[in-house]
PDB file of N, CA and C in Angstrom:
ATOM      1  N   MET A   1      -4.538  21.373  51.821  1.00  0.00           N
ATOM      2  CA  MET A   1      -5.798  20.877  51.294  1.00  0.00           C
ATOM      3  C   MET A   1      -5.505  19.900  50.158  1.00  0.00           C
ATOM      4  N   ARG A   2      -6.103  18.748  50.204  1.00  0.00           N
ATOM      5  CA  ARG A   2      -5.875  17.719  49.188  1.00  0.00           C
ATOM      6  C   ARG A   2      -7.179  17.455  48.440  1.00  0.00           C
ATOM      7  N   ILE A   3      -7.104  17.594  47.108  1.00  0.00           N
ATOM      8  CA  ILE A   3      -8.265  17.366  46.257  1.00  0.00           C
ATOM      9  C   ILE A   3      -8.335  15.873  45.937  1.00  0.00           C
ATOM     10  N   LYS A   4      -9.508  15.304  46.087  1.00  0.00           N
ATOM     11  CA  LYS A   4      -9.689  13.877  45.827  1.00  0.00           C
ATOM     12  C   LYS A   4     -10.008  13.651  44.353  1.00  0.00           C
ATOM     13  N   LYS A   5      -9.230  12.776  43.716  1.00  0.00           N
ATOM     14  CA  LYS A   5      -9.483  12.411  42.331  1.00  0.00           C
ATOM     15  C   LYS A   5     -10.706  11.489  42.277  1.00  0.00           C
ATOM     16  N   VAL A   6     -11.453  11.582  41.183  1.00  0.00           N
ATOM     17  CA  VAL A   6     -12.644  10.747  41.025  1.00  0.00           C
ATOM     18  C   VAL A   6     -12.610  10.081  39.653  1.00  0.00           C
ATOM     19  N   GLU A   7     -13.349   8.989  39.534  1.00  0.00           N
ATOM     20  CA  GLU A   7     -13.430   8.283  38.260  1.00  0.00           C
ATOM     21  C   GLU A   7     -14.893   8.181  37.842  1.00  0.00           C
ATOM     22  N   TYR A   8     -15.119   8.352  36.548  1.00  0.00           N
ATOM     23  CA  TYR A   8     -16.462   8.258  35.993  1.00  0.00           C
ATOM     24  C   TYR A   8     -16.352   7.606  34.620  1.00  0.00           C
ATOM     25  N   ARG A   9     -17.012   6.467  34.453  1.00  0.00           N
ATOM     26  CA  ARG A   9     -17.007   5.724  33.189  1.00  0.00           C
ATOM     27  C   ARG A   9     -15.590   5.506  32.645  1.00  0.00           C
ATOM     28  N   GLY A  10     -14.695   5.150  33.550  1.00  0.00           N
ATOM     29  CA  GLY A  10     -13.322   4.837  33.152  1.00  0.00           C
ATOM     30  C   GLY A  10     -12.428   6.048  32.923  1.00  0.00           C
ATOM     31  N   ILE A  11     -12.948   7.246  33.150  1.00  0.00           N
ATOM     32  CA  ILE A  11     -12.150   8.476  32.965  1.00  0.00           C
ATOM     33  C   ILE A  11     -11.792   9.017  34.344  1.00  0.00           C
ATOM     34  N   ARG A  12     -10.511   9.325  34.548  1.00  0.00           N
ATOM     35  CA  ARG A  12     -10.065   9.890  35.824  1.00  0.00           C
ATOM     36  C   ARG A  12     -10.103  11.412  35.770  1.00  0.00           C
ATOM     37  N   PHE A  13     -10.700  11.995  36.779  1.00  0.00           N
ATOM     38  CA  PHE A  13     -10.805  13.447  36.900  1.00  0.00           C
ATOM     39  C   PHE A  13     -10.015  13.893  38.119  1.00  0.00           C
ATOM     40  N   ASP A  14      -9.402  15.052  38.010  1.00  0.00           N
ATOM     41  CA  ASP A  14      -8.583  15.565  39.114  1.00  0.00           C
ATOM     42  C   ASP A  14      -9.424  16.035  40.295  1.00  0.00           C
ATOM     43  N   SER A  15     -10.708  16.295  40.058  1.00  0.00           N
ATOM     44  CA  SER A  15     -11.569  16.770  41.142  1.00  0.00           C
ATOM     45  C   SER A  15     -13.033  16.536  40.782  1.00  0.00           C
ATOM     46  N   LYS A  16     -13.892  16.661  41.780  1.00  0.00           N
ATOM     47  CA  LYS A  16     -15.344  16.572  41.542  1.00  0.00           C
ATOM     48  C   LYS A  16     -15.806  17.740  40.692  1.00  0.00           C
ATOM     49  N   LEU A  17     -15.164  18.897  40.853  1.00  0.00           N
ATOM     50  CA  LEU A  17     -15.532  20.076  40.067  1.00  0.00           C
ATOM     51  C   LEU A  17     -15.224  19.847  38.583  1.00  0.00           C
ATOM     52  N   GLU A  18     -14.093  19.219  38.298  1.00  0.00           N
ATOM     53  CA  GLU A  18     -13.739  18.911  36.917  1.00  0.00           C
ATOM     54  C   GLU A  18     -14.766  17.956  36.310  1.00  0.00           C
ATOM     55  N   LEU A  19     -15.161  16.942  37.047  1.00  0.00           N
ATOM     56  CA  LEU A  19     -16.195  16.007  36.592  1.00  0.00           C
ATOM     57  C   LEU A  19     -17.517  16.746  36.365  1.00  0.00           C
ATOM     58  N   PHE A  20     -17.890  17.619  37.283  1.00  0.00           N
ATOM     59  CA  PHE A  20     -19.130  18.386  37.147  1.00  0.00           C
ATOM     60  C   PHE A  20     -19.126  19.174  35.844  1.00  0.00           C
ATOM     61  N   PHE A  21     -18.024  19.859  35.562  1.00  0.00           N
ATOM     62  CA  PHE A  21     -17.949  20.666  34.350  1.00  0.00           C
ATOM     63  C   PHE A  21     -17.989  19.783  33.099  1.00  0.00           C
ATOM     64  N   TYR A  22     -17.307  18.653  33.144  1.00  0.00           N
ATOM     65  CA  TYR A  22     -17.326  17.677  32.046  1.00  0.00           C
ATOM     66  C   TYR A  22     -18.769  17.263  31.730  1.00  0.00           C
ATOM     67  N   LEU A  23     -19.518  16.916  32.756  1.00  0.00           N
ATOM     68  CA  LEU A  23     -20.911  16.488  32.560  1.00  0.00           C
ATOM     69  C   LEU A  23     -21.774  17.620  32.022  1.00  0.00           C
ATOM     70  N   GLU A  24     -21.531  18.840  32.481  1.00  0.00           N
ATOM     71  CA  GLU A  24     -22.300  19.998  31.994  1.00  0.00           C
ATOM     72  C   GLU A  24     -21.986  20.286  30.524  1.00  0.00           C
ATOM     73  N   LEU A  25     -20.712  20.131  30.134  1.00  0.00           N
ATOM     74  CA  LEU A  25     -20.360  20.300  28.718  1.00  0.00           C
ATOM     75  C   LEU A  25     -21.076  19.265  27.860  1.00  0.00           C
ATOM     76  N   LYS A  26     -21.100  18.023  28.326  1.00  0.00           N
ATOM     77  CA  LYS A  26     -21.780  16.948  27.601  1.00  0.00           C
ATOM     78  C   LYS A  26     -23.271  17.249  27.479  1.00  0.00           C
ATOM     79  N   LYS A  27     -23.864  17.672  28.605  1.00  0.00           N
ATOM     80  CA  LYS A  27     -25.305  17.975  28.619  1.00  0.00           C
ATOM     81  C   LYS A  27     -25.638  19.116  27.648  1.00  0.00           C
ATOM     82  N   ALA A  28     -24.751  20.110  27.572  1.00  0.00           N
ATOM     83  CA  ALA A  28     -24.969  21.257  26.691  1.00  0.00           C
ATOM     84  C   ALA A  28     -24.570  20.954  25.244  1.00  0.00           C
ATOM     85  N   LYS A  29     -23.991  19.756  25.020  1.00  0.00           N
ATOM     86  CA  LYS A  29     -23.554  19.329  23.684  1.00  0.00           C
ATOM     87  C   LYS A  29     -22.532  20.288  23.079  1.00  0.00           C
ATOM     88  N   ILE A  30     -21.615  20.744  23.927  1.00  0.00           N
ATOM     89  CA  ILE A  30     -20.520  21.606  23.476  1.00  0.00           C
ATOM     90  C   ILE A  30     -19.310  20.707  23.210  1.00  0.00           C
ATOM     91  N   PRO A  31     -18.812  20.673  21.972  1.00  0.00           N
ATOM     92  CA  PRO A  31     -17.649  19.828  21.676  1.00  0.00           C
ATOM     93  C   PRO A  31     -16.392  20.363  22.385  1.00  0.00           C
ATOM     94  N   PHE A  32     -15.570  19.445  22.898  1.00  0.00           N
ATOM     95  CA  PHE A  32     -14.376  19.868  23.631  1.00  0.00           C
ATOM     96  C   PHE A  32     -13.297  18.801  23.558  1.00  0.00           C
ATOM     97  N   GLN A  33     -12.091  19.223  23.862  1.00  0.00           N
ATOM     98  CA  GLN A  33     -10.968  18.308  24.053  1.00  0.00           C
ATOM     99  C   GLN A  33     -10.685  18.286  25.549  1.00  0.00           C
ATOM    100  N   PHE A  34     -10.499  17.103  26.089  1.00  0.00           N
ATOM    101  CA  PHE A  34     -10.272  16.941  27.527  1.00  0.00           C
ATOM    102  C   PHE A  34      -8.791  16.703  27.790  1.00  0.00           C
ATOM    103  N   GLN A  35      -8.274  17.369  28.806  1.00  0.00           N
ATOM    104  CA  GLN A  35      -6.879  17.207  29.225  1.00  0.00           C
ATOM    105  C   GLN A  35      -5.908  17.509  28.080  1.00  0.00           C
ATOM    106  N   LYS A  36      -5.981  18.714  27.534  1.00  0.00           N
ATOM    107  CA  LYS A  36      -5.085  19.132  26.447  1.00  0.00           C
ATOM    108  C   LYS A  36      -3.765  19.609  27.037  1.00  0.00           C
ATOM    109  N   LYS A  37      -2.677  19.060  26.513  1.00  0.00           N
ATOM    110  CA  LYS A  37      -1.337  19.329  27.043  1.00  0.00           C
ATOM    111  C   LYS A  37      -0.599  20.353  26.181  1.00  0.00           C
ATOM    112  N   TYR A  38      -0.010  21.350  26.836  1.00  0.00           N
ATOM    113  CA  TYR A  38       0.800  22.364  26.170  1.00  0.00           C
ATOM    114  C   TYR A  38       2.228  22.261  26.694  1.00  0.00           C
ATOM    115  N   THR A  39       3.201  22.318  25.791  1.00  0.00           N
ATOM    116  CA  THR A  39       4.603  22.348  26.195  1.00  0.00           C
ATOM    117  C   THR A  39       5.004  23.800  26.344  1.00  0.00           C
ATOM    118  N   LEU A  40       5.366  24.182  27.561  1.00  0.00           N
ATOM    119  CA  LEU A  40       5.721  25.561  27.864  1.00  0.00           C
ATOM    120  C   LEU A  40       7.213  25.819  27.672  1.00  0.00           C
ATOM    121  N   LEU A  41       8.010  24.786  27.914  1.00  0.00           N
ATOM    122  CA  LEU A  41       9.458  24.897  27.803  1.00  0.00           C
ATOM    123  C   LEU A  41       9.976  23.533  27.364  1.00  0.00           C
ATOM    124  N   HIS A  42      10.662  23.502  26.244  1.00  0.00           N
ATOM    125  CA  HIS A  42      11.190  22.238  25.739  1.00  0.00           C
ATOM    126  C   HIS A  42      12.391  21.800  26.579  1.00  0.00           C
ATOM    127  N   LYS A  43      12.656  20.498  26.591  1.00  0.00           N
ATOM    128  CA  LYS A  43      13.791  19.985  27.359  1.00  0.00           C
ATOM    129  C   LYS A  43      15.091  20.526  26.749  1.00  0.00           C
ATOM    130  N   PHE A  44      16.089  20.637  27.607  1.00  0.00           N
ATOM    131  CA  PHE A  44      17.385  21.128  27.160  1.00  0.00           C
ATOM    132  C   PHE A  44      18.461  20.621  28.115  1.00  0.00           C
ATOM    133  N   ARG A  45      19.710  20.893  27.761  1.00  0.00           N
ATOM    134  CA  ARG A  45      20.830  20.496  28.611  1.00  0.00           C
ATOM    135  C   ARG A  45      21.505  21.761  29.127  1.00  0.00           C
ATOM    136  N   TYR A  46      21.884  21.743  30.390  1.00  0.00           N
ATOM    137  CA  TYR A  46      22.587  22.859  31.013  1.00  0.00           C
ATOM    138  C   TYR A  46      23.758  22.288  31.805  1.00  0.00           C
ATOM    139  N   ASP A  47      24.970  22.728  31.486  1.00  0.00           N
ATOM    140  CA  ASP A  47      26.179  22.195  32.116  1.00  0.00           C
ATOM    141  C   ASP A  47      26.230  20.675  32.027  1.00  0.00           C
ATOM    142  N   GLY A  48      25.798  20.149  30.882  1.00  0.00           N
ATOM    143  CA  GLY A  48      25.845  18.715  30.663  1.00  0.00           C
ATOM    144  C   GLY A  48      24.727  17.928  31.331  1.00  0.00           C
ATOM    145  N   LYS A  49      23.832  18.615  32.036  1.00  0.00           N
ATOM    146  CA  LYS A  49      22.736  17.920  32.723  1.00  0.00           C
ATOM    147  C   LYS A  49      21.413  18.206  32.011  1.00  0.00           C
ATOM    148  N   ALA A  50      20.599  17.163  31.936  1.00  0.00           N
ATOM    149  CA  ALA A  50      19.303  17.289  31.274  1.00  0.00           C
ATOM    150  C   ALA A  50      18.322  18.049  32.160  1.00  0.00           C
ATOM    151  N   VAL A  51      17.610  18.961  31.543  1.00  0.00           N
ATOM    152  CA  VAL A  51      16.526  19.682  32.211  1.00  0.00           C
ATOM    153  C   VAL A  51      15.245  19.267  31.507  1.00  0.00           C
ATOM    154  N   ARG A  52      14.317  18.729  32.273  1.00  0.00           N
ATOM    155  CA  ARG A  52      13.070  18.227  31.685  1.00  0.00           C
ATOM    156  C   ARG A  52      12.215  19.354  31.125  1.00  0.00           C
ATOM    157  N   GLU A  53      11.356  18.965  30.173  1.00  0.00           N
ATOM    158  CA  GLU A  53      10.422  19.945  29.626  1.00  0.00           C
ATOM    159  C   GLU A  53       9.402  20.334  30.695  1.00  0.00           C
ATOM    160  N   MET A  54       8.798  21.494  30.515  1.00  0.00           N
ATOM    161  CA  MET A  54       7.735  21.944  31.412  1.00  0.00           C
ATOM    162  C   MET A  54       6.446  21.974  30.612  1.00  0.00           C
ATOM    163  N   THR A  55       5.431  21.313  31.131  1.00  0.00           N
ATOM    164  CA  THR A  55       4.143  21.270  30.441  1.00  0.00           C
ATOM    165  C   THR A  55       3.024  21.738  31.367  1.00  0.00           C
ATOM    166  N   LEU A  56       1.928  22.074  30.752  1.00  0.00           N
ATOM    167  CA  LEU A  56       0.705  22.392  31.492  1.00  0.00           C
ATOM    168  C   LEU A  56      -0.434  21.678  30.773  1.00  0.00           C
ATOM    169  N   THR A  57      -1.163  20.879  31.502  1.00  0.00           N
ATOM    170  CA  THR A  57      -2.329  20.203  30.943  1.00  0.00           C
ATOM    171  C   THR A  57      -3.567  20.933  31.441  1.00  0.00           C
ATOM    172  N   VAL A  58      -4.303  21.487  30.486  1.00  0.00           N
ATOM    173  CA  VAL A  58      -5.528  22.211  30.847  1.00  0.00           C
ATOM    174  C   VAL A  58      -6.692  21.236  30.831  1.00  0.00           C
ATOM    175  N   ASP A  59      -7.687  21.506  31.636  1.00  0.00           N
ATOM    176  CA  ASP A  59      -8.825  20.595  31.750  1.00  0.00           C
ATOM    177  C   ASP A  59      -9.601  20.461  30.438  1.00  0.00           C
ATOM    178  N   PHE A  60      -9.951  21.591  29.842  1.00  0.00           N
ATOM    179  CA  PHE A  60     -10.815  21.568  28.658  1.00  0.00           C
ATOM    180  C   PHE A  60     -10.372  22.612  27.642  1.00  0.00           C
ATOM    181  N   TYR A  61     -10.388  22.215  26.387  1.00  0.00           N
ATOM    182  CA  TYR A  61     -10.201  23.161  25.286  1.00  0.00           C
ATOM    183  C   TYR A  61     -11.442  23.057  24.418  1.00  0.00           C
ATOM    184  N   ILE A  62     -12.088  24.191  24.188  1.00  0.00           N
ATOM    185  CA  ILE A  62     -13.300  24.234  23.375  1.00  0.00           C
ATOM    186  C   ILE A  62     -12.921  24.906  22.048  1.00  0.00           C
ATOM    187  N   PRO A  63     -12.625  24.093  21.019  1.00  0.00           N
ATOM    188  CA  PRO A  63     -12.123  24.656  19.760  1.00  0.00           C
ATOM    189  C   PRO A  63     -13.106  25.574  19.048  1.00  0.00           C
ATOM    190  N   SER A  64     -14.405  25.293  19.151  1.00  0.00           N
ATOM    191  CA  SER A  64     -15.397  26.087  18.411  1.00  0.00           C
ATOM    192  C   SER A  64     -15.406  27.553  18.823  1.00  0.00           C
ATOM    193  N   CYS A  65     -14.980  27.848  20.025  1.00  0.00           N
ATOM    194  CA  CYS A  65     -14.933  29.252  20.451  1.00  0.00           C
ATOM    195  C   CYS A  65     -13.557  29.633  20.991  1.00  0.00           C
ATOM    196  N   LYS A  66     -12.538  28.833  20.652  1.00  0.00           N
ATOM    197  CA  LYS A  66     -11.154  29.115  21.028  1.00  0.00           C
ATOM    198  C   LYS A  66     -11.035  29.499  22.501  1.00  0.00           C
ATOM    199  N   THR A  67     -11.490  28.600  23.351  1.00  0.00           N
ATOM    200  CA  THR A  67     -11.513  28.871  24.788  1.00  0.00           C
ATOM    201  C   THR A  67     -10.886  27.716  25.553  1.00  0.00           C
ATOM    202  N   ILE A  68     -10.070  28.065  26.523  1.00  0.00           N
ATOM    203  CA  ILE A  68      -9.484  27.110  27.454  1.00  0.00           C
ATOM    204  C   ILE A  68     -10.225  27.273  28.774  1.00  0.00           C
ATOM    205  N   VAL A  69     -10.654  26.148  29.339  1.00  0.00           N
ATOM    206  CA  VAL A  69     -11.335  26.194  30.643  1.00  0.00           C
ATOM    207  C   VAL A  69     -10.585  25.260  31.590  1.00  0.00           C
ATOM    208  N   ASP A  70     -10.231  25.786  32.734  1.00  0.00           N
ATOM    209  CA  ASP A  70      -9.558  24.990  33.756  1.00  0.00           C
ATOM    210  C   ASP A  70     -10.308  25.194  35.065  1.00  0.00           C
ATOM    211  N   THR A  71     -10.833  24.108  35.590  1.00  0.00           N
ATOM    212  CA  THR A  71     -11.592  24.193  36.843  1.00  0.00           C
ATOM    213  C   THR A  71     -10.611  24.175  37.999  1.00  0.00           C
ATOM    214  N   LYS A  72     -10.619  25.214  38.787  1.00  0.00           N
ATOM    215  CA  LYS A  72      -9.665  25.332  39.895  1.00  0.00           C
ATOM    216  C   LYS A  72     -10.376  25.823  41.144  1.00  0.00           C
ATOM    217  N   GLY A  73     -10.369  24.998  42.172  1.00  0.00           N
ATOM    218  CA  GLY A  73     -10.850  25.448  43.462  1.00  0.00           C
ATOM    219  C   GLY A  73      -9.846  26.406  44.084  1.00  0.00           C
ATOM    220  N   PHE A  74      -8.555  26.109  43.865  1.00  0.00           N
ATOM    221  CA  PHE A  74      -7.469  26.980  44.313  1.00  0.00           C
ATOM    222  C   PHE A  74      -6.265  26.723  43.426  1.00  0.00           C
ATOM    223  N   GLN A  75      -5.300  27.645  43.438  1.00  0.00           N
ATOM    224  CA  GLN A  75      -4.100  27.498  42.624  1.00  0.00           C
ATOM    225  C   GLN A  75      -2.856  27.593  43.483  1.00  0.00           C
ATOM    226  N   ARG A  76      -1.927  26.647  43.244  1.00  0.00           N
ATOM    227  CA  ARG A  76      -0.622  26.721  43.901  1.00  0.00           C
ATOM    228  C   ARG A  76       0.227  27.746  43.160  1.00  0.00           C
ATOM    229  N   ASN A  77       1.276  28.246  43.826  1.00  0.00           N
ATOM    230  CA  ASN A  77       2.136  29.258  43.206  1.00  0.00           C
ATOM    231  C   ASN A  77       2.813  28.758  41.943  1.00  0.00           C
ATOM    232  N   ASP A  78       3.272  27.495  41.925  1.00  0.00           N
ATOM    233  CA  ASP A  78       3.927  26.975  40.720  1.00  0.00           C
ATOM    234  C   ASP A  78       2.949  26.912  39.554  1.00  0.00           C
ATOM    235  N   ASN A  79       1.691  26.692  39.833  1.00  0.00           N
ATOM    236  CA  ASN A  79       0.684  26.658  38.780  1.00  0.00           C
ATOM    237  C   ASN A  79       0.445  28.058  38.204  1.00  0.00           C
ATOM    238  N   LYS A  80       0.524  29.075  39.041  1.00  0.00           N
ATOM    239  CA  LYS A  80       0.354  30.450  38.561  1.00  0.00           C
ATOM    240  C   LYS A  80       1.447  30.799  37.560  1.00  0.00           C
ATOM    241  N   ILE A  81       2.663  30.343  37.816  1.00  0.00           N
ATOM    242  CA  ILE A  81       3.778  30.585  36.899  1.00  0.00           C
ATOM    243  C   ILE A  81       3.532  29.876  35.573  1.00  0.00           C
ATOM    244  N   LYS A  82       3.041  28.643  35.645  1.00  0.00           N
ATOM    245  CA  LYS A  82       2.761  27.896  34.416  1.00  0.00           C
ATOM    246  C   LYS A  82       1.692  28.586  33.570  1.00  0.00           C
ATOM    247  N   TRP A  83       0.708  29.175  34.217  1.00  0.00           N
ATOM    248  CA  TRP A  83      -0.335  29.879  33.458  1.00  0.00           C
ATOM    249  C   TRP A  83       0.225  31.128  32.787  1.00  0.00           C
ATOM    250  N   LYS A  84       1.136  31.807  33.445  1.00  0.00           N
ATOM    251  CA  LYS A  84       1.790  32.966  32.817  1.00  0.00           C
ATOM    252  C   LYS A  84       2.581  32.504  31.597  1.00  0.00           C
ATOM    253  N   LEU A  85       3.283  31.387  31.733  1.00  0.00           N
ATOM    254  CA  LEU A  85       4.056  30.854  30.615  1.00  0.00           C
ATOM    255  C   LEU A  85       3.147  30.393  29.475  1.00  0.00           C
ATOM    256  N   LEU A  86       1.981  29.838  29.813  1.00  0.00           N
ATOM    257  CA  LEU A  86       1.033  29.437  28.770  1.00  0.00           C
ATOM    258  C   LEU A  86       0.565  30.670  27.991  1.00  0.00           C
ATOM    259  N   LYS A  87       0.247  31.733  28.692  1.00  0.00           N
ATOM    260  CA  LYS A  87      -0.194  32.959  28.022  1.00  0.00           C
ATOM    261  C   LYS A  87       0.898  33.483  27.091  1.00  0.00           C
ATOM    262  N   ARG A  88       2.149  33.417  27.533  1.00  0.00           N
ATOM    263  CA  ARG A  88       3.273  33.845  26.695  1.00  0.00           C
ATOM    264  C   ARG A  88       3.394  32.932  25.478  1.00  0.00           C
ATOM    265  N   HIS A  89       3.244  31.619  25.692  1.00  0.00           N
ATOM    266  CA  HIS A  89       3.301  30.637  24.605  1.00  0.00           C
ATOM    267  C   HIS A  89       2.218  30.927  23.566  1.00  0.00           C
ATOM    268  N   LEU A  90       1.018  31.186  24.020  1.00  0.00           N
ATOM    269  CA  LEU A  90      -0.089  31.484  23.104  1.00  0.00           C
ATOM    270  C   LEU A  90       0.191  32.765  22.325  1.00  0.00           C
ATOM    271  N   LEU A  91       0.684  33.782  23.018  1.00  0.00           N
ATOM    272  CA  LEU A  91       1.006  35.059  22.381  1.00  0.00           C
ATOM    273  C   LEU A  91       2.101  34.878  21.329  1.00  0.00           C
ATOM    274  N   ASP A  92       3.159  34.151  21.684  1.00  0.00           N
ATOM    275  CA  ASP A  92       4.272  33.912  20.757  1.00  0.00           C
ATOM    276  C   ASP A  92       3.836  33.134  19.523  1.00  0.00           C
ATOM    277  N   ASN A  93       2.821  32.285  19.673  1.00  0.00           N
ATOM    278  CA  ASN A  93       2.328  31.473  18.567  1.00  0.00           C
ATOM    279  C   ASN A  93       1.092  32.066  17.899  1.00  0.00           C
ATOM    280  N   LYS A  94       0.850  33.338  18.198  1.00  0.00           N
ATOM    281  CA  LYS A  94      -0.262  34.083  17.593  1.00  0.00           C
ATOM    282  C   LYS A  94      -1.603  33.363  17.731  1.00  0.00           C
ATOM    283  N   LYS A  95      -1.819  32.804  18.905  1.00  0.00           N
ATOM    284  CA  LYS A  95      -3.086  32.149  19.223  1.00  0.00           C
ATOM    285  C   LYS A  95      -3.718  32.912  20.369  1.00  0.00           C
ATOM    286  N   HIS A  96      -4.848  33.500  20.090  1.00  0.00           N
ATOM    287  CA  HIS A  96      -5.533  34.229  21.157  1.00  0.00           C
ATOM    288  C   HIS A  96      -6.733  33.409  21.608  1.00  0.00           C
ATOM    289  N   PHE A  97      -6.570  32.732  22.723  1.00  0.00           N
ATOM    290  CA  PHE A  97      -7.647  31.935  23.289  1.00  0.00           C
ATOM    291  C   PHE A  97      -8.182  32.642  24.519  1.00  0.00           C
ATOM    292  N   LYS A  98      -9.482  32.559  24.691  1.00  0.00           N
ATOM    293  CA  LYS A  98     -10.103  33.039  25.923  1.00  0.00           C
ATOM    294  C   LYS A  98      -9.774  31.998  26.995  1.00  0.00           C
ATOM    295  N   ILE A  99      -9.419  32.443  28.181  1.00  0.00           N
ATOM    296  CA  ILE A  99      -9.102  31.534  29.286  1.00  0.00           C
ATOM    297  C   ILE A  99     -10.095  31.796  30.413  1.00  0.00           C
ATOM    298  N   MET A 100     -10.755  30.714  30.851  1.00  0.00           N
ATOM    299  CA  MET A 100     -11.740  30.822  31.920  1.00  0.00           C
ATOM    300  C   MET A 100     -11.391  29.821  33.007  1.00  0.00           C
ATOM    301  N   MET A 101     -11.544  30.228  34.264  1.00  0.00           N
ATOM    302  CA  MET A 101     -11.200  29.364  35.394  1.00  0.00           C
ATOM    303  C   MET A 101     -12.311  29.358  36.436  1.00  0.00           C
ATOM    304  N   PRO A 102     -13.370  28.608  36.169  1.00  0.00           N
ATOM    305  CA  PRO A 102     -14.433  28.537  37.177  1.00  0.00           C
ATOM    306  C   PRO A 102     -13.943  27.843  38.443  1.00  0.00           C
ATOM    307  N   LYS A 103     -14.345  28.386  39.596  1.00  0.00           N
ATOM    308  CA  LYS A 103     -13.847  27.896  40.881  1.00  0.00           C
ATOM    309  C   LYS A 103     -14.878  27.114  41.697  1.00  0.00           C
ATOM    310  N   ASN A 104     -16.130  27.126  41.233  1.00  0.00           N
ATOM    311  CA  ASN A 104     -17.182  26.394  41.942  1.00  0.00           C
ATOM    312  C   ASN A 104     -18.287  26.038  40.945  1.00  0.00           C
ATOM    313  N   LYS A 105     -19.283  25.309  41.414  1.00  0.00           N
ATOM    314  CA  LYS A 105     -20.359  24.857  40.504  1.00  0.00           C
ATOM    315  C   LYS A 105     -21.108  26.025  39.881  1.00  0.00           C
ATOM    316  N   LYS A 106     -21.360  27.053  40.669  1.00  0.00           N
ATOM    317  CA  LYS A 106     -22.089  28.210  40.155  1.00  0.00           C
ATOM    318  C   LYS A 106     -21.317  28.867  39.004  1.00  0.00           C
ATOM    319  N   SER A 107     -20.013  29.063  39.188  1.00  0.00           N
ATOM    320  CA  SER A 107     -19.230  29.687  38.116  1.00  0.00           C
ATOM    321  C   SER A 107     -19.054  28.730  36.931  1.00  0.00           C
ATOM    322  N   CYS A 108     -19.104  27.423  37.159  1.00  0.00           N
ATOM    323  CA  CYS A 108     -19.086  26.457  36.055  1.00  0.00           C
ATOM    324  C   CYS A 108     -20.328  26.633  35.189  1.00  0.00           C
ATOM    325  N   LEU A 109     -21.489  26.770  35.829  1.00  0.00           N
ATOM    326  CA  LEU A 109     -22.738  26.949  35.084  1.00  0.00           C
ATOM    327  C   LEU A 109     -22.734  28.275  34.319  1.00  0.00           C
ATOM    328  N   GLU A 110     -22.169  29.320  34.915  1.00  0.00           N
ATOM    329  CA  GLU A 110     -22.054  30.608  34.223  1.00  0.00           C
ATOM    330  C   GLU A 110     -21.128  30.478  33.015  1.00  0.00           C
ATOM    331  N   THR A 111     -20.058  29.717  33.164  1.00  0.00           N
ATOM    332  CA  THR A 111     -19.121  29.486  32.069  1.00  0.00           C
ATOM    333  C   THR A 111     -19.801  28.745  30.922  1.00  0.00           C
ATOM    334  N   ILE A 112     -20.623  27.751  31.249  1.00  0.00           N
ATOM    335  CA  ILE A 112     -21.368  27.014  30.219  1.00  0.00           C
ATOM    336  C   ILE A 112     -22.263  27.979  29.435  1.00  0.00           C
ATOM    337  N   LYS A 113     -22.948  28.886  30.127  1.00  0.00           N
ATOM    338  CA  LYS A 113     -23.812  29.867  29.449  1.00  0.00           C
ATOM    339  C   LYS A 113     -22.999  30.725  28.481  1.00  0.00           C
ATOM    340  N   ILE A 114     -21.832  31.159  28.927  1.00  0.00           N
ATOM    341  CA  ILE A 114     -20.960  31.981  28.071  1.00  0.00           C
ATOM    342  C   ILE A 114     -20.520  31.176  26.849  1.00  0.00           C
ATOM    343  N   LEU A 115     -20.120  29.928  27.077  1.00  0.00           N
ATOM    344  CA  LEU A 115     -19.674  29.075  25.969  1.00  0.00           C
ATOM    345  C   LEU A 115     -20.794  28.844  24.958  1.00  0.00           C
ATOM    346  N   LEU A 116     -22.000  28.650  25.455  1.00  0.00           N
ATOM    347  CA  LEU A 116     -23.145  28.477  24.550  1.00  0.00           C
ATOM    348  C   LEU A 116     -23.376  29.716  23.703  1.00  0.00           C
ATOM    349  N   SER A 117     -23.182  30.895  24.301  1.00  0.00           N
ATOM    350  CA  SER A 117     -23.375  32.138  23.563  1.00  0.00           C
ATOM    351  C   SER A 117     -22.272  32.363  22.513  1.00  0.00           C
ATOM    352  N   LEU A 118     -21.130  31.709  22.709  1.00  0.00           N
ATOM    353  CA  LEU A 118     -19.993  31.871  21.772  1.00  0.00           C
ATOM    354  C   LEU A 118     -20.001  30.832  20.652  1.00  0.00           C
ATOM    355  N   GLN A 119     -20.879  29.834  20.745  1.00  0.00           N
ATOM    356  CA  GLN A 119     -20.907  28.772  19.735  1.00  0.00           C
ATOM    357  C   GLN A 119     -21.337  29.348  18.393  1.00  0.00           C
ATOM    358  N   PRO A 120     -20.672  28.894  17.312  1.00  0.00           N
ATOM    359  CA  PRO A 120     -21.037  29.399  15.971  1.00  0.00           C
ATOM    360  C   PRO A 120     -22.412  28.918  15.533  1.00  0.00           C
TER     361      PRO A 120
END
């Protein structure tokens, strides 16, 4: 299954679901950071060969309620490993963020309601 990337007002989205959630956040006036990148493993050398860093870019970070939201219709196995590493990274850095992964429009709208209830 191949997800089609979309563009809206010069911004590239990985999926229509990601764009939908972006627009709903804007409509609800919830402040967010888009495409926040976390370094899960820093680059290093092994037997003289460079090993690249491993990163995970999450769709949305909502700082006001310390929540990460990633819109996923489905997850590949390598992505599941990255999410485990992100949770470990957050734990090691004493950051407890709520993580939400809406999989369709209905769950996106439910997530927006939850985020609104968490706003200070």
